[in-house]
Amino acid sequence: MKSQHRGRDWRRIHHSPMFWIGLVMCMAAITIYVLSDDLAWRPGAR
């Protein structure tokens, strides 16, 4: 017997456009940080 789950089913969050917009923005921020040479791979020269 399955329990009745009330409320939003969070397992289907990937169907929401807001999820994909947030994911793309996070990935863009990570990419910009890594490619900006801002302490991502090595410390700056002093």
PDB file of N, CA and C in Angstrom:
ATOM      1  N   MET A   1       0.848  -1.191   0.000  1.00  0.00           N
ATOM      2  CA  MET A   1       0.000   0.000   0.000  1.00  0.00           C
ATOM      3  C   MET A   1       0.884   1.241   0.000  1.00  0.00           C
ATOM      4  N   LYS A   2       0.662   2.120  -0.965  1.00  0.00           N
ATOM      5  CA  LYS A   2       1.448   3.350  -1.048  1.00  0.00           C
ATOM      6  C   LYS A   2       0.873   4.422  -0.128  1.00  0.00           C
ATOM      7  N   SER A   3       1.752   5.188   0.461  1.00  0.00           N
ATOM      8  CA  SER A   3       1.286   6.298   1.282  1.00  0.00           C
ATOM      9  C   SER A   3       0.912   7.460   0.373  1.00  0.00           C
ATOM     10  N   GLN A   4      -0.110   8.150   0.726  1.00  0.00           N
ATOM     11  CA  GLN A   4      -0.547   9.307  -0.062  1.00  0.00           C
ATOM     12  C   GLN A   4       0.344  10.493   0.260  1.00  0.00           C
ATOM     13  N   HIS A   5       0.995  11.010  -0.774  1.00  0.00           N
ATOM     14  CA  HIS A   5       1.895  12.143  -0.598  1.00  0.00           C
ATOM     15  C   HIS A   5       1.176  13.401  -1.051  1.00  0.00           C
ATOM     16  N   ARG A   6       0.957  14.295  -0.129  1.00  0.00           N
ATOM     17  CA  ARG A   6       0.286  15.545  -0.477  1.00  0.00           C
ATOM     18  C   ARG A   6       1.303  16.635  -0.728  1.00  0.00           C
ATOM     19  N   GLY A   7       0.929  17.573  -1.557  1.00  0.00           N
ATOM     20  CA  GLY A   7       1.837  18.673  -1.867  1.00  0.00           C
ATOM     21  C   GLY A   7       2.587  18.417  -3.158  1.00  0.00           C
ATOM     22  N   ARG A   8       3.575  19.211  -3.402  1.00  0.00           N
ATOM     23  CA  ARG A   8       4.337  19.154  -4.641  1.00  0.00           C
ATOM     24  C   ARG A   8       5.258  17.934  -4.657  1.00  0.00           C
ATOM     25  N   ASP A   9       5.345  17.307  -5.808  1.00  0.00           N
ATOM     26  CA  ASP A   9       6.240  16.164  -5.985  1.00  0.00           C
ATOM     27  C   ASP A   9       7.593  16.693  -6.441  1.00  0.00           C
ATOM     28  N   TRP A  10       8.568  16.761  -5.535  1.00  0.00           N
ATOM     29  CA  TRP A  10       9.866  17.377  -5.821  1.00  0.00           C
ATOM     30  C   TRP A  10      10.738  16.502  -6.714  1.00  0.00           C
ATOM     31  N   ARG A  11      10.338  15.267  -6.946  1.00  0.00           N
ATOM     32  CA  ARG A  11      11.100  14.426  -7.863  1.00  0.00           C
ATOM     33  C   ARG A  11      10.944  14.889  -9.309  1.00  0.00           C
ATOM     34  N   ARG A  12       9.958  15.685  -9.588  1.00  0.00           N
ATOM     35  CA  ARG A  12       9.719  16.163 -10.948  1.00  0.00           C
ATOM     36  C   ARG A  12      10.145  17.616 -11.130  1.00  0.00           C
ATOM     37  N   ILE A  13      11.059  18.083 -10.301  1.00  0.00           N
ATOM     38  CA  ILE A  13      11.503  19.478 -10.366  1.00  0.00           C
ATOM     39  C   ILE A  13      12.169  19.781 -11.702  1.00  0.00           C
ATOM     40  N   HIS A  14      12.761  18.774 -12.351  1.00  0.00           N
ATOM     41  CA  HIS A  14      13.457  19.026 -13.610  1.00  0.00           C
ATOM     42  C   HIS A  14      12.490  19.348 -14.755  1.00  0.00           C
ATOM     43  N   HIS A  15      11.208  19.275 -14.523  1.00  0.00           N
ATOM     44  CA  HIS A  15      10.231  19.664 -15.537  1.00  0.00           C
ATOM     45  C   HIS A  15       9.914  21.156 -15.468  1.00  0.00           C
ATOM     46  N   SER A  16      10.401  21.826 -14.450  1.00  0.00           N
ATOM     47  CA  SER A  16      10.125  23.250 -14.271  1.00  0.00           C
ATOM     48  C   SER A  16      11.116  24.104 -15.062  1.00  0.00           C
ATOM     49  N   PRO A  17      10.623  25.108 -15.796  1.00  0.00           N
ATOM     50  CA  PRO A  17      11.542  25.990 -16.524  1.00  0.00           C
ATOM     51  C   PRO A  17      12.450  26.781 -15.570  1.00  0.00           C
ATOM     52  N   MET A  18      11.978  27.089 -14.380  1.00  0.00           N
ATOM     53  CA  MET A  18      12.798  27.841 -13.421  1.00  0.00           C
ATOM     54  C   MET A  18      14.014  27.016 -12.985  1.00  0.00           C
ATOM     55  N   PHE A  19      13.872  25.720 -12.882  1.00  0.00           N
ATOM     56  CA  PHE A  19      14.993  24.855 -12.544  1.00  0.00           C
ATOM     57  C   PHE A  19      16.079  24.965 -13.606  1.00  0.00           C
ATOM     58  N   TRP A  20      15.694  24.889 -14.879  1.00  0.00           N
ATOM     59  CA  TRP A  20      16.665  24.928 -15.968  1.00  0.00           C
ATOM     60  C   TRP A  20      17.301  26.303 -16.103  1.00  0.00           C
ATOM     61  N   ILE A  21      16.529  27.372 -15.871  1.00  0.00           N
ATOM     62  CA  ILE A  21      17.101  28.721 -15.905  1.00  0.00           C
ATOM     63  C   ILE A  21      18.133  28.868 -14.801  1.00  0.00           C
ATOM     64  N   GLY A  22      17.806  28.403 -13.611  1.00  0.00           N
ATOM     65  CA  GLY A  22      18.746  28.471 -12.487  1.00  0.00           C
ATOM     66  C   GLY A  22      19.987  27.642 -12.729  1.00  0.00           C
ATOM     67  N   LEU A  23      19.813  26.456 -13.300  1.00  0.00           N
ATOM     68  CA  LEU A  23      20.949  25.596 -13.589  1.00  0.00           C
ATOM     69  C   LEU A  23      21.884  26.231 -14.615  1.00  0.00           C
ATOM     70  N   VAL A  24      21.314  26.790 -15.678  1.00  0.00           N
ATOM     71  CA  VAL A  24      22.131  27.444 -16.705  1.00  0.00           C
ATOM     72  C   VAL A  24      22.872  28.642 -16.124  1.00  0.00           C
ATOM     73  N   MET A  25      22.212  29.424 -15.279  1.00  0.00           N
ATOM     74  CA  MET A  25      22.869  30.590 -14.673  1.00  0.00           C
ATOM     75  C   MET A  25      24.003  30.162 -13.741  1.00  0.00           C
ATOM     76  N   CYS A  26      23.801  29.106 -12.971  1.00  0.00           N
ATOM     77  CA  CYS A  26      24.861  28.606 -12.086  1.00  0.00           C
ATOM     78  C   CYS A  26      26.055  28.097 -12.893  1.00  0.00           C
ATOM     79  N   MET A  27      25.778  27.352 -13.951  1.00  0.00           N
ATOM     80  CA  MET A  27      26.861  26.840 -14.785  1.00  0.00           C
ATOM     81  C   MET A  27      27.600  27.980 -15.486  1.00  0.00           C
ATOM     82  N   ALA A  28      26.879  29.011 -15.904  1.00  0.00           N
ATOM     83  CA  ALA A  28      27.522  30.172 -16.530  1.00  0.00           C
ATOM     84  C   ALA A  28      28.424  30.889 -15.528  1.00  0.00           C
ATOM     85  N   ALA A  29      27.957  31.036 -14.294  1.00  0.00           N
ATOM     86  CA  ALA A  29      28.770  31.694 -13.269  1.00  0.00           C
ATOM     87  C   ALA A  29      30.033  30.893 -12.977  1.00  0.00           C
ATOM     88  N   ILE A  30      29.925  29.586 -12.887  1.00  0.00           N
ATOM     89  CA  ILE A  30      31.093  28.744 -12.641  1.00  0.00           C
ATOM     90  C   ILE A  30      32.071  28.846 -13.803  1.00  0.00           C
ATOM     91  N   THR A  31      31.554  28.804 -15.033  1.00  0.00           N
ATOM     92  CA  THR A  31      32.411  28.894 -16.217  1.00  0.00           C
ATOM     93  C   THR A  31      33.126  30.240 -16.284  1.00  0.00           C
ATOM     94  N   ILE A  32      32.418  31.317 -16.025  1.00  0.00           N
ATOM     95  CA  ILE A  32      33.030  32.646 -16.053  1.00  0.00           C
ATOM     96  C   ILE A  32      34.118  32.749 -14.996  1.00  0.00           C
ATOM     97  N   TYR A  33      33.880  32.218 -13.802  1.00  0.00           N
ATOM     98  CA  TYR A  33      34.875  32.267 -12.741  1.00  0.00           C
ATOM     99  C   TYR A  33      36.137  31.492 -13.128  1.00  0.00           C
ATOM    100  N   VAL A  34      35.953  30.300 -13.653  1.00  0.00           N
ATOM    101  CA  VAL A  34      37.103  29.470 -14.009  1.00  0.00           C
ATOM    102  C   VAL A  34      37.886  30.090 -15.160  1.00  0.00           C
ATOM    103  N   LEU A  35      37.197  30.590 -16.163  1.00  0.00           N
ATOM    104  CA  LEU A  35      37.873  31.146 -17.332  1.00  0.00           C
ATOM    105  C   LEU A  35      38.421  32.555 -17.105  1.00  0.00           C
ATOM    106  N   SER A  36      38.051  33.201 -16.005  1.00  0.00           N
ATOM    107  CA  SER A  36      38.503  34.563 -15.755  1.00  0.00           C
ATOM    108  C   SER A  36      39.919  34.619 -15.183  1.00  0.00           C
ATOM    109  N   ASP A  37      40.519  33.451 -14.900  1.00  0.00           N
ATOM    110  CA  ASP A  37      41.864  33.389 -14.333  1.00  0.00           C
ATOM    111  C   ASP A  37      41.914  34.102 -12.982  1.00  0.00           C
ATOM    112  N   ASP A  38      40.846  34.003 -12.212  1.00  0.00           N
ATOM    113  CA  ASP A  38      40.727  34.669 -10.923  1.00  0.00           C
ATOM    114  C   ASP A  38      40.931  33.662  -9.798  1.00  0.00           C
ATOM    115  N   LEU A  39      42.160  33.288  -9.549  1.00  0.00           N
ATOM    116  CA  LEU A  39      42.514  32.349  -8.495  1.00  0.00           C
ATOM    117  C   LEU A  39      41.877  30.975  -8.702  1.00  0.00           C
ATOM    118  N   ALA A  40      41.432  30.714  -9.915  1.00  0.00           N
ATOM    119  CA  ALA A  40      40.779  29.436 -10.149  1.00  0.00           C
ATOM    120  C   ALA A  40      41.788  28.298 -10.262  1.00  0.00           C
ATOM    121  N   TRP A  41      42.933  28.555 -10.912  1.00  0.00           N
ATOM    122  CA  TRP A  41      43.890  27.491 -11.106  1.00  0.00           C
ATOM    123  C   TRP A  41      45.182  27.729 -10.339  1.00  0.00           C
ATOM    124  N   ARG A  42      45.588  28.999 -10.196  1.00  0.00           N
ATOM    125  CA  ARG A  42      46.841  29.305  -9.502  1.00  0.00           C
ATOM    126  C   ARG A  42      46.753  30.698  -8.905  1.00  0.00           C
ATOM    127  N   PRO A  43      47.531  30.975  -7.871  1.00  0.00           N
ATOM    128  CA  PRO A  43      47.545  32.320  -7.298  1.00  0.00           C
ATOM    129  C   PRO A  43      48.147  33.316  -8.290  1.00  0.00           C
ATOM    130  N   GLY A  44      47.736  34.568  -8.193  1.00  0.00           N
ATOM    131  CA  GLY A  44      48.256  35.600  -9.052  1.00  0.00           C
ATOM    132  C   GLY A  44      49.713  35.915  -8.733  1.00  0.00           C
ATOM    133  N   ALA A  45      50.434  36.428  -9.707  1.00  0.00           N
ATOM    134  CA  ALA A  45      51.844  36.785  -9.510  1.00  0.00           C
ATOM    135  C   ALA A  45      51.940  38.036  -8.640  1.00  0.00           C
ATOM    136  N   ARG A  46      52.894  38.031  -7.737  1.00  0.00           N
ATOM    137  CA  ARG A  46      53.078  39.209  -6.862  1.00  0.00           C
ATOM    138  C   ARG A  46      54.325  39.935  -7.254  1.00  0.00           C
TER     139      ARG A  46
END
